[in-house]
PDB file of N, CA and C in Angstrom:
ATOM      1  N   MET A   1       2.109 -15.552 -10.993  1.00  0.00           N
ATOM      2  CA  MET A   1       2.617 -14.809 -11.724  1.00  0.00           C
ATOM      3  C   MET A   1       3.435 -13.422 -11.355  1.00  0.00           C
ATOM      4  N   TRP A   2       4.658 -13.324 -12.120  1.00  0.00           N
ATOM      5  CA  TRP A   2       5.654 -12.589 -11.662  1.00  0.00           C
ATOM      6  C   TRP A   2       5.240 -10.845 -11.982  1.00  0.00           C
ATOM      7  N   VAL A   3       5.294 -10.329 -10.855  1.00  0.00           N
ATOM      8  CA  VAL A   3       5.144  -8.940 -11.136  1.00  0.00           C
ATOM      9  C   VAL A   3       6.113  -7.969 -10.167  1.00  0.00           C
ATOM     10  N   LYS A   4       6.221  -6.867 -11.356  1.00  0.00           N
ATOM     11  CA  LYS A   4       7.609  -6.040 -10.653  1.00  0.00           C
ATOM     12  C   LYS A   4       7.148  -5.243  -9.729  1.00  0.00           C
ATOM     13  N   ALA A   5       7.713  -5.383  -8.286  1.00  0.00           N
ATOM     14  CA  ALA A   5       7.153  -4.790  -7.396  1.00  0.00           C
ATOM     15  C   ALA A   5       8.512  -3.557  -7.357  1.00  0.00           C
ATOM     16  N   LEU A   6       9.351  -3.313  -7.351  1.00  0.00           N
ATOM     17  CA  LEU A   6      10.588  -2.392  -6.899  1.00  0.00           C
ATOM     18  C   LEU A   6      11.252  -2.085  -8.465  1.00  0.00           C
ATOM     19  N   ASP A   7      11.705  -1.063  -8.508  1.00  0.00           N
ATOM     20  CA  ASP A   7      12.533  -0.829  -9.581  1.00  0.00           C
ATOM     21  C   ASP A   7      13.969  -0.703  -9.294  1.00  0.00           C
ATOM     22  N   SER A   8      14.609  -0.992  -8.394  1.00  0.00           N
ATOM     23  CA  SER A   8      15.725  -1.529  -7.869  1.00  0.00           C
ATOM     24  C   SER A   8      15.774  -2.305  -6.446  1.00  0.00           C
ATOM     25  N   ALA A   9      16.785  -2.973  -6.154  1.00  0.00           N
ATOM     26  CA  ALA A   9      16.792  -3.800  -5.025  1.00  0.00           C
ATOM     27  C   ALA A   9      16.828  -3.002  -3.749  1.00  0.00           C
ATOM     28  N   PRO A  10      16.551  -3.496  -2.533  1.00  0.00           N
ATOM     29  CA  PRO A  10      16.867  -2.623  -1.315  1.00  0.00           C
ATOM     30  C   PRO A  10      18.261  -2.753  -0.779  1.00  0.00           C
ATOM     31  N   LYS A  11      18.870  -1.934  -0.261  1.00  0.00           N
ATOM     32  CA  LYS A  11      20.161  -2.287   0.217  1.00  0.00           C
ATOM     33  C   LYS A  11      20.181  -3.079   1.590  1.00  0.00           C
ATOM     34  N   GLU A  12      21.504  -3.773   1.575  1.00  0.00           N
ATOM     35  CA  GLU A  12      21.368  -4.845   2.305  1.00  0.00           C
ATOM     36  C   GLU A  12      20.965  -4.477   3.781  1.00  0.00           C
ATOM     37  N   GLY A  13      20.307  -5.470   4.601  1.00  0.00           N
ATOM     38  CA  GLY A  13      19.644  -5.232   5.832  1.00  0.00           C
ATOM     39  C   GLY A  13      18.293  -3.856   5.887  1.00  0.00           C
ATOM     40  N   THR A  14      17.909  -3.455   4.951  1.00  0.00           N
ATOM     41  CA  THR A  14      16.702  -2.630   4.785  1.00  0.00           C
ATOM     42  C   THR A  14      15.485  -3.520   4.469  1.00  0.00           C
ATOM     43  N   MET A  15      14.376  -2.854   4.636  1.00  0.00           N
ATOM     44  CA  MET A  15      13.221  -3.187   4.285  1.00  0.00           C
ATOM     45  C   MET A  15      12.420  -2.224   3.582  1.00  0.00           C
ATOM     46  N   LEU A  16      12.021  -2.529   2.402  1.00  0.00           N
ATOM     47  CA  LEU A  16      11.124  -1.536   1.217  1.00  0.00           C
ATOM     48  C   LEU A  16       9.769  -1.897   1.175  1.00  0.00           C
ATOM     49  N   LYS A  17       8.945  -1.099   1.132  1.00  0.00           N
ATOM     50  CA  LYS A  17       7.497  -1.415   0.909  1.00  0.00           C
ATOM     51  C   LYS A  17       6.908  -1.384  -0.476  1.00  0.00           C
ATOM     52  N   ALA A  18       5.997  -2.055  -0.765  1.00  0.00           N
ATOM     53  CA  ALA A  18       5.629  -2.230  -1.990  1.00  0.00           C
ATOM     54  C   ALA A  18       4.144  -2.745  -1.983  1.00  0.00           C
ATOM     55  N   THR A  19       3.280  -2.184  -3.010  1.00  0.00           N
ATOM     56  CA  THR A  19       1.966  -2.605  -3.125  1.00  0.00           C
ATOM     57  C   THR A  19       1.993  -3.427  -4.288  1.00  0.00           C
ATOM     58  N   VAL A  20       1.369  -4.545  -4.738  1.00  0.00           N
ATOM     59  CA  VAL A  20       1.534  -5.534  -5.739  1.00  0.00           C
ATOM     60  C   VAL A  20       0.372  -6.257  -5.791  1.00  0.00           C
ATOM     61  N   LYS A  21      -0.456  -5.744  -7.017  1.00  0.00           N
ATOM     62  CA  LYS A  21      -1.922  -6.504  -6.880  1.00  0.00           C
ATOM     63  C   LYS A  21      -2.831  -6.481  -5.848  1.00  0.00           C
ATOM     64  N   GLY A  22      -2.622  -5.188  -5.040  1.00  0.00           N
ATOM     65  CA  GLY A  22      -3.346  -4.968  -4.144  1.00  0.00           C
ATOM     66  C   GLY A  22      -2.796  -5.448  -2.693  1.00  0.00           C
ATOM     67  N   ASN A  23      -1.694  -6.241  -2.807  1.00  0.00           N
ATOM     68  CA  ASN A  23      -1.089  -6.736  -1.790  1.00  0.00           C
ATOM     69  C   ASN A  23      -0.019  -5.930  -1.336  1.00  0.00           C
ATOM     70  N   LYS A  24       0.014  -5.453   0.221  1.00  0.00           N
ATOM     71  CA  LYS A  24       1.060  -4.565   0.778  1.00  0.00           C
ATOM     72  C   LYS A  24       2.136  -5.750   1.180  1.00  0.00           C
ATOM     73  N   VAL A  25       3.141  -5.244   0.765  1.00  0.00           N
ATOM     74  CA  VAL A  25       4.472  -6.362   1.218  1.00  0.00           C
ATOM     75  C   VAL A  25       5.603  -5.744   1.235  1.00  0.00           C
ATOM     76  N   PHE A  26       6.730  -6.509   1.786  1.00  0.00           N
ATOM     77  CA  PHE A  26       7.873  -5.348   1.944  1.00  0.00           C
ATOM     78  C   PHE A  26       8.868  -6.437   1.363  1.00  0.00           C
ATOM     79  N   ILE A  27       9.870  -5.990   0.969  1.00  0.00           N
ATOM     80  CA  ILE A  27      10.950  -6.692   0.248  1.00  0.00           C
ATOM     81  C   ILE A  27      12.537  -6.295   1.046  1.00  0.00           C
ATOM     82  N   THR A  28      13.028  -7.483   1.285  1.00  0.00           N
ATOM     83  CA  THR A  28      14.520  -7.054   2.103  1.00  0.00           C
ATOM     84  C   THR A  28      15.496  -7.924   1.512  1.00  0.00           C
ATOM     85  N   LEU A  29      16.700  -7.245   1.388  1.00  0.00           N
ATOM     86  CA  LEU A  29      17.662  -7.900   1.272  1.00  0.00           C
ATOM     87  C   LEU A  29      18.645  -8.379   2.172  1.00  0.00           C
ATOM     88  N   ASN A  30      18.719  -9.725   2.935  1.00  0.00           N
ATOM     89  CA  ASN A  30      19.139  -9.833   3.865  1.00  0.00           C
ATOM     90  C   ASN A  30      20.472 -11.013   4.019  1.00  0.00           C
ATOM     91  N   ASN A  31      21.689 -10.780   4.284  1.00  0.00           N
ATOM     92  CA  ASN A  31      22.743 -11.556   4.007  1.00  0.00           C
ATOM     93  C   ASN A  31      22.802 -12.106   2.625  1.00  0.00           C
ATOM     94  N   GLY A  32      22.670 -11.038   1.569  1.00  0.00           N
ATOM     95  CA  GLY A  32      22.794 -11.155   0.115  1.00  0.00           C
ATOM     96  C   GLY A  32      21.812 -11.857  -0.649  1.00  0.00           C
ATOM     97  N   LEU A  33      20.605 -12.128   0.334  1.00  0.00           N
ATOM     98  CA  LEU A  33      19.583 -12.943  -0.042  1.00  0.00           C
ATOM     99  C   LEU A  33      18.163 -11.849  -0.164  1.00  0.00           C
ATOM    100  N   LEU A  34      17.459 -12.173  -1.456  1.00  0.00           N
ATOM    101  CA  LEU A  34      15.955 -10.999  -1.555  1.00  0.00           C
ATOM    102  C   LEU A  34      14.962 -12.129  -0.807  1.00  0.00           C
ATOM    103  N   TYR A  35      14.294 -11.355  -0.040  1.00  0.00           N
ATOM    104  CA  TYR A  35      12.852 -12.318   0.370  1.00  0.00           C
ATOM    105  C   TYR A  35      11.727 -11.005   0.443  1.00  0.00           C
ATOM    106  N   ALA A  36      10.631 -11.568   0.405  1.00  0.00           N
ATOM    107  CA  ALA A  36       9.320 -11.002  -0.184  1.00  0.00           C
ATOM    108  C   ALA A  36       8.134 -11.481   0.825  1.00  0.00           C
ATOM    109  N   ALA A  37       7.357 -10.455   1.538  1.00  0.00           N
ATOM    110  CA  ALA A  37       6.437 -11.396   2.624  1.00  0.00           C
ATOM    111  C   ALA A  37       5.380 -10.295   2.513  1.00  0.00           C
ATOM    112  N   ASP A  38       4.319 -10.491   3.029  1.00  0.00           N
ATOM    113  CA  ASP A  38       3.121  -9.546   3.294  1.00  0.00           C
ATOM    114  C   ASP A  38       3.700  -8.761   4.774  1.00  0.00           C
ATOM    115  N   ASN A  39       3.281  -7.361   4.729  1.00  0.00           N
ATOM    116  CA  ASN A  39       3.919  -6.435   5.328  1.00  0.00           C
ATOM    117  C   ASN A  39       3.060  -5.832   6.449  1.00  0.00           C
ATOM    118  N   ARG A  40       2.344  -7.176   6.948  1.00  0.00           N
ATOM    119  CA  ARG A  40       1.443  -7.267   8.414  1.00  0.00           C
ATOM    120  C   ARG A  40       1.592  -8.402   9.091  1.00  0.00           C
ATOM    121  N   CYS A  41       1.726  -8.375  10.374  1.00  0.00           N
ATOM    122  CA  CYS A  41       1.958  -9.183  11.561  1.00  0.00           C
ATOM    123  C   CYS A  41       0.256 -10.048  11.295  1.00  0.00           C
ATOM    124  N   PRO A  42       0.672 -11.265  11.202  1.00  0.00           N
ATOM    125  CA  PRO A  42      -0.354 -12.413  11.371  1.00  0.00           C
ATOM    126  C   PRO A  42      -1.105 -12.362  12.659  1.00  0.00           C
ATOM    127  N   HIS A  43      -0.646 -11.753  13.709  1.00  0.00           N
ATOM    128  CA  HIS A  43      -1.136 -11.694  15.147  1.00  0.00           C
ATOM    129  C   HIS A  43      -1.987 -10.501  15.362  1.00  0.00           C
ATOM    130  N   GLU A  44      -1.405  -9.466  15.001  1.00  0.00           N
ATOM    131  CA  GLU A  44      -2.022  -8.068  14.842  1.00  0.00           C
ATOM    132  C   GLU A  44      -1.707  -7.427  13.531  1.00  0.00           C
ATOM    133  N   ASP A  45      -2.573  -6.628  13.536  1.00  0.00           N
ATOM    134  CA  ASP A  45      -3.086  -5.810  11.888  1.00  0.00           C
ATOM    135  C   ASP A  45      -1.671  -4.472  12.248  1.00  0.00           C
ATOM    136  N   ILE A  46      -0.421  -4.840  12.178  1.00  0.00           N
ATOM    137  CA  ILE A  46       0.477  -3.875  12.223  1.00  0.00           C
ATOM    138  C   ILE A  46       1.747  -4.129  11.199  1.00  0.00           C
ATOM    139  N   GLU A  47       2.148  -3.064  10.587  1.00  0.00           N
ATOM    140  CA  GLU A  47       3.268  -3.227   9.555  1.00  0.00           C
ATOM    141  C   GLU A  47       4.543  -3.901  10.131  1.00  0.00           C
ATOM    142  N   LEU A  48       5.025  -4.996   9.560  1.00  0.00           N
ATOM    143  CA  LEU A  48       6.116  -5.673  10.255  1.00  0.00           C
ATOM    144  C   LEU A  48       7.340  -4.685   9.749  1.00  0.00           C
ATOM    145  N   THR A  49       7.648  -3.741   8.638  1.00  0.00           N
ATOM    146  CA  THR A  49       8.501  -2.777   8.479  1.00  0.00           C
ATOM    147  C   THR A  49       8.524  -1.991   9.515  1.00  0.00           C
ATOM    148  N   LEU A  50       7.931  -1.908  10.630  1.00  0.00           N
ATOM    149  CA  LEU A  50       7.985  -1.310  11.597  1.00  0.00           C
ATOM    150  C   LEU A  50       9.054  -2.003  12.684  1.00  0.00           C
ATOM    151  N   GLY A  51       9.068  -2.966  12.774  1.00  0.00           N
ATOM    152  CA  GLY A  51       9.924  -4.143  13.361  1.00  0.00           C
ATOM    153  C   GLY A  51      11.622  -4.126  12.916  1.00  0.00           C
ATOM    154  N   CYS A  52      12.020  -5.173  13.018  1.00  0.00           N
ATOM    155  CA  CYS A  52      13.525  -5.183  12.865  1.00  0.00           C
ATOM    156  C   CYS A  52      13.630  -6.840  12.339  1.00  0.00           C
ATOM    157  N   LEU A  53      14.686  -6.746  11.410  1.00  0.00           N
ATOM    158  CA  LEU A  53      15.554  -8.086  11.355  1.00  0.00           C
ATOM    159  C   LEU A  53      16.072  -8.744  12.632  1.00  0.00           C
ATOM    160  N   LYS A  54      16.172  -9.871  12.437  1.00  0.00           N
ATOM    161  CA  LYS A  54      17.026 -10.431  13.675  1.00  0.00           C
ATOM    162  C   LYS A  54      17.505 -11.681  12.895  1.00  0.00           C
ATOM    163  N   GLY A  55      18.613 -11.726  12.157  1.00  0.00           N
ATOM    164  CA  GLY A  55      19.269 -12.996  11.691  1.00  0.00           C
ATOM    165  C   GLY A  55      18.151 -13.141  10.301  1.00  0.00           C
ATOM    166  N   ASN A  56      17.502 -14.535  10.273  1.00  0.00           N
ATOM    167  CA  ASN A  56      16.830 -14.694   9.122  1.00  0.00           C
ATOM    168  C   ASN A  56      15.147 -14.729   9.115  1.00  0.00           C
ATOM    169  N   ARG A  57      15.207 -13.795  10.461  1.00  0.00           N
ATOM    170  CA  ARG A  57      13.567 -13.341  10.807  1.00  0.00           C
ATOM    171  C   ARG A  57      13.349 -11.898  10.872  1.00  0.00           C
ATOM    172  N   ILE A  58      11.989 -11.797  10.555  1.00  0.00           N
ATOM    173  CA  ILE A  58      11.493 -10.410  10.716  1.00  0.00           C
ATOM    174  C   ILE A  58      10.604 -10.190  12.300  1.00  0.00           C
ATOM    175  N   LYS A  59      11.008  -9.509  13.032  1.00  0.00           N
ATOM    176  CA  LYS A  59      10.347  -9.376  14.486  1.00  0.00           C
ATOM    177  C   LYS A  59       9.369  -8.193  14.336  1.00  0.00           C
ATOM    178  N   CYS A  60       8.359  -8.226  14.851  1.00  0.00           N
ATOM    179  CA  CYS A  60       7.141  -7.659  14.826  1.00  0.00           C
ATOM    180  C   CYS A  60       7.474  -6.331  16.331  1.00  0.00           C
ATOM    181  N   SER A  61       7.304  -5.256  15.748  1.00  0.00           N
ATOM    182  CA  SER A  61       7.453  -4.335  16.950  1.00  0.00           C
ATOM    183  C   SER A  61       6.205  -4.236  17.692  1.00  0.00           C
ATOM    184  N   LEU A  62       5.025  -4.936  17.830  1.00  0.00           N
ATOM    185  CA  LEU A  62       4.487  -4.839  18.845  1.00  0.00           C
ATOM    186  C   LEU A  62       4.579  -5.987  19.737  1.00  0.00           C
ATOM    187  N   HIS A  63       4.379  -7.078  19.490  1.00  0.00           N
ATOM    188  CA  HIS A  63       4.386  -8.061  21.000  1.00  0.00           C
ATOM    189  C   HIS A  63       5.800  -9.054  20.680  1.00  0.00           C
ATOM    190  N   GLY A  64       6.936  -8.428  19.825  1.00  0.00           N
ATOM    191  CA  GLY A  64       7.948  -9.240  19.645  1.00  0.00           C
ATOM    192  C   GLY A  64       7.884 -10.798  18.920  1.00  0.00           C
ATOM    193  N   PHE A  65       6.932 -11.366  18.422  1.00  0.00           N
ATOM    194  CA  PHE A  65       6.720 -12.314  17.688  1.00  0.00           C
ATOM    195  C   PHE A  65       7.608 -12.235  16.262  1.00  0.00           C
ATOM    196  N   SER A  66       8.109 -13.399  15.978  1.00  0.00           N
ATOM    197  CA  SER A  66       9.124 -13.292  14.943  1.00  0.00           C
ATOM    198  C   SER A  66       8.600 -14.239  13.749  1.00  0.00           C
ATOM    199  N   PHE A  67       8.967 -14.047  12.598  1.00  0.00           N
ATOM    200  CA  PHE A  67       8.629 -15.047  11.588  1.00  0.00           C
ATOM    201  C   PHE A  67      10.031 -15.256  10.715  1.00  0.00           C
ATOM    202  N   ASP A  68      10.279 -16.369  10.271  1.00  0.00           N
ATOM    203  CA  ASP A  68      11.043 -16.895   9.253  1.00  0.00           C
ATOM    204  C   ASP A  68      10.755 -16.177   7.848  1.00  0.00           C
ATOM    205  N   LEU A  69      12.162 -15.568   7.598  1.00  0.00           N
ATOM    206  CA  LEU A  69      11.583 -14.946   5.963  1.00  0.00           C
ATOM    207  C   LEU A  69      11.829 -15.866   5.002  1.00  0.00           C
ATOM    208  N   THR A  70      12.145 -17.176   5.191  1.00  0.00           N
ATOM    209  CA  THR A  70      12.454 -18.159   3.866  1.00  0.00           C
ATOM    210  C   THR A  70      10.963 -18.906   3.982  1.00  0.00           C
ATOM    211  N   THR A  71      10.156 -19.171   5.180  1.00  0.00           N
ATOM    212  CA  THR A  71       9.188 -20.263   5.098  1.00  0.00           C
ATOM    213  C   THR A  71       7.958 -19.453   5.465  1.00  0.00           C
ATOM    214  N   GLY A  72       8.013 -18.332   6.500  1.00  0.00           N
ATOM    215  CA  GLY A  72       6.785 -17.788   6.859  1.00  0.00           C
ATOM    216  C   GLY A  72       6.718 -18.057   8.189  1.00  0.00           C
ATOM    217  N   ASP A  73       7.223 -19.365   9.004  1.00  0.00           N
ATOM    218  CA  ASP A  73       7.273 -19.635  10.330  1.00  0.00           C
ATOM    219  C   ASP A  73       7.081 -19.113  11.164  1.00  0.00           C
ATOM    220  N   SER A  74       6.267 -18.875  12.299  1.00  0.00           N
ATOM    221  CA  SER A  74       6.222 -18.080  13.324  1.00  0.00           C
ATOM    222  C   SER A  74       7.031 -18.665  14.389  1.00  0.00           C
ATOM    223  N   SER A  75       7.268 -17.596  15.524  1.00  0.00           N
ATOM    224  CA  SER A  75       8.000 -18.210  16.914  1.00  0.00           C
ATOM    225  C   SER A  75       6.925 -18.654  17.633  1.00  0.00           C
ATOM    226  N   GLN A  76       5.870 -18.386  17.507  1.00  0.00           N
ATOM    227  CA  GLN A  76       4.854 -18.676  18.482  1.00  0.00           C
ATOM    228  C   GLN A  76       3.839 -19.799  17.686  1.00  0.00           C
ATOM    229  N   VAL A  77       3.253 -20.807  18.790  1.00  0.00           N
ATOM    230  CA  VAL A  77       2.287 -21.987  18.236  1.00  0.00           C
ATOM    231  C   VAL A  77       1.248 -21.677  17.818  1.00  0.00           C
ATOM    232  N   ASP A  78       0.719 -20.488  18.433  1.00  0.00           N
ATOM    233  CA  ASP A  78      -0.475 -19.806  18.377  1.00  0.00           C
ATOM    234  C   ASP A  78      -1.108 -19.205  17.530  1.00  0.00           C
ATOM    235  N   VAL A  79       0.106 -18.630  16.576  1.00  0.00           N
ATOM    236  CA  VAL A  79       0.232 -17.423  15.582  1.00  0.00           C
ATOM    237  C   VAL A  79       0.251 -17.601  14.301  1.00  0.00           C
ATOM    238  N   ASP A  80      -0.623 -17.466  13.514  1.00  0.00           N
ATOM    239  CA  ASP A  80      -0.257 -17.899  12.163  1.00  0.00           C
ATOM    240  C   ASP A  80       1.010 -17.387  11.740  1.00  0.00           C
ATOM    241  N   ASP A  81       1.369 -18.303  10.418  1.00  0.00           N
ATOM    242  CA  ASP A  81       2.401 -18.166   9.755  1.00  0.00           C
ATOM    243  C   ASP A  81       2.616 -16.924   8.916  1.00  0.00           C
ATOM    244  N   LEU A  82       3.481 -16.390   8.712  1.00  0.00           N
ATOM    245  CA  LEU A  82       3.596 -15.097   7.784  1.00  0.00           C
ATOM    246  C   LEU A  82       3.788 -15.724   6.304  1.00  0.00           C
ATOM    247  N   ARG A  83       2.856 -15.047   5.298  1.00  0.00           N
ATOM    248  CA  ARG A  83       2.833 -15.242   3.773  1.00  0.00           C
ATOM    249  C   ARG A  83       3.901 -14.617   2.916  1.00  0.00           C
ATOM    250  N   VAL A  84       4.836 -15.471   2.435  1.00  0.00           N
ATOM    251  CA  VAL A  84       6.006 -15.038   1.998  1.00  0.00           C
ATOM    252  C   VAL A  84       6.157 -15.523   0.350  1.00  0.00           C
ATOM    253  N   TYR A  85       6.516 -14.624  -0.290  1.00  0.00           N
ATOM    254  CA  TYR A  85       6.550 -14.869  -1.734  1.00  0.00           C
ATOM    255  C   TYR A  85       7.869 -14.964  -2.543  1.00  0.00           C
ATOM    256  N   PRO A  86       7.882 -16.075  -3.791  1.00  0.00           N
ATOM    257  CA  PRO A  86       8.946 -16.012  -4.097  1.00  0.00           C
ATOM    258  C   PRO A  86       9.514 -14.562  -4.746  1.00  0.00           C
ATOM    259  N   VAL A  87      10.874 -14.378  -4.890  1.00  0.00           N
ATOM    260  CA  VAL A  87      11.157 -13.200  -5.338  1.00  0.00           C
ATOM    261  C   VAL A  87      12.474 -13.412  -6.334  1.00  0.00           C
ATOM    262  N   LYS A  88      12.738 -12.464  -7.136  1.00  0.00           N
ATOM    263  CA  LYS A  88      13.618 -12.539  -8.070  1.00  0.00           C
ATOM    264  C   LYS A  88      14.098 -11.201  -8.667  1.00  0.00           C
ATOM    265  N   GLN A  89      15.491 -10.836  -9.044  1.00  0.00           N
ATOM    266  CA  GLN A  89      15.712  -9.926  -9.604  1.00  0.00           C
ATOM    267  C   GLN A  89      16.323  -9.860 -10.954  1.00  0.00           C
ATOM    268  N   GLU A  90      15.865  -9.261 -11.843  1.00  0.00           N
ATOM    269  CA  GLU A  90      16.336  -9.066 -13.268  1.00  0.00           C
ATOM    270  C   GLU A  90      16.505  -7.844 -13.793  1.00  0.00           C
ATOM    271  N   ASN A  91      17.529  -7.349 -14.047  1.00  0.00           N
ATOM    272  CA  ASN A  91      18.076  -5.950 -14.833  1.00  0.00           C
ATOM    273  C   ASN A  91      17.760  -4.973 -13.818  1.00  0.00           C
ATOM    274  N   ASN A  92      18.230  -5.516 -12.483  1.00  0.00           N
ATOM    275  CA  ASN A  92      18.055  -4.517 -11.274  1.00  0.00           C
ATOM    276  C   ASN A  92      16.436  -4.210 -10.739  1.00  0.00           C
ATOM    277  N   LYS A  93      15.497  -4.821 -11.459  1.00  0.00           N
ATOM    278  CA  LYS A  93      14.374  -4.543 -10.761  1.00  0.00           C
ATOM    279  C   LYS A  93      13.768  -5.742 -10.222  1.00  0.00           C
ATOM    280  N   ILE A  94      13.264  -5.671  -9.140  1.00  0.00           N
ATOM    281  CA  ILE A  94      12.545  -6.818  -8.356  1.00  0.00           C
ATOM    282  C   ILE A  94      11.240  -7.086  -8.662  1.00  0.00           C
ATOM    283  N   TYR A  95      11.005  -8.305  -8.656  1.00  0.00           N
ATOM    284  CA  TYR A  95       9.888  -9.102  -8.979  1.00  0.00           C
ATOM    285  C   TYR A  95       9.326 -10.069  -8.322  1.00  0.00           C
ATOM    286  N   ILE A  96       8.239 -10.115  -7.809  1.00  0.00           N
ATOM    287  CA  ILE A  96       7.558 -11.388  -7.091  1.00  0.00           C
ATOM    288  C   ILE A  96       6.370 -12.225  -7.510  1.00  0.00           C
ATOM    289  N   ASN A  97       6.198 -13.196  -7.174  1.00  0.00           N
ATOM    290  CA  ASN A  97       5.449 -14.135  -7.701  1.00  0.00           C
ATOM    291  C   ASN A  97       4.492 -13.882  -6.859  1.00  0.00           C
ATOM    292  N   ILE A  98       3.027 -13.586  -7.355  1.00  0.00           N
ATOM    293  CA  ILE A  98       2.117 -13.363  -6.438  1.00  0.00           C
ATOM    294  C   ILE A  98       0.843 -13.602  -7.093  1.00  0.00           C
TER     295      ILE A  98
END
């Protein structure tokens, strides 16, 4: 189900936090593409928005593990993947399919 997450798109290279249907997520605009994912590291319960974007990955500030923004794939074989969500923009509002 598509649910509105933000009233406007984030600026390029920034991350915005939102709570959608009880799920804490972040939404980012990276290289002109929108991405949405859970705002918690699957390895440690820390907000990923405390980390940074490196190319097409979000890097956790605690241990440096990174996750692919498109697939959620972890950089470590023993760390769960990040949950990512389809995201779209309509009339400048941001929706995620959650």
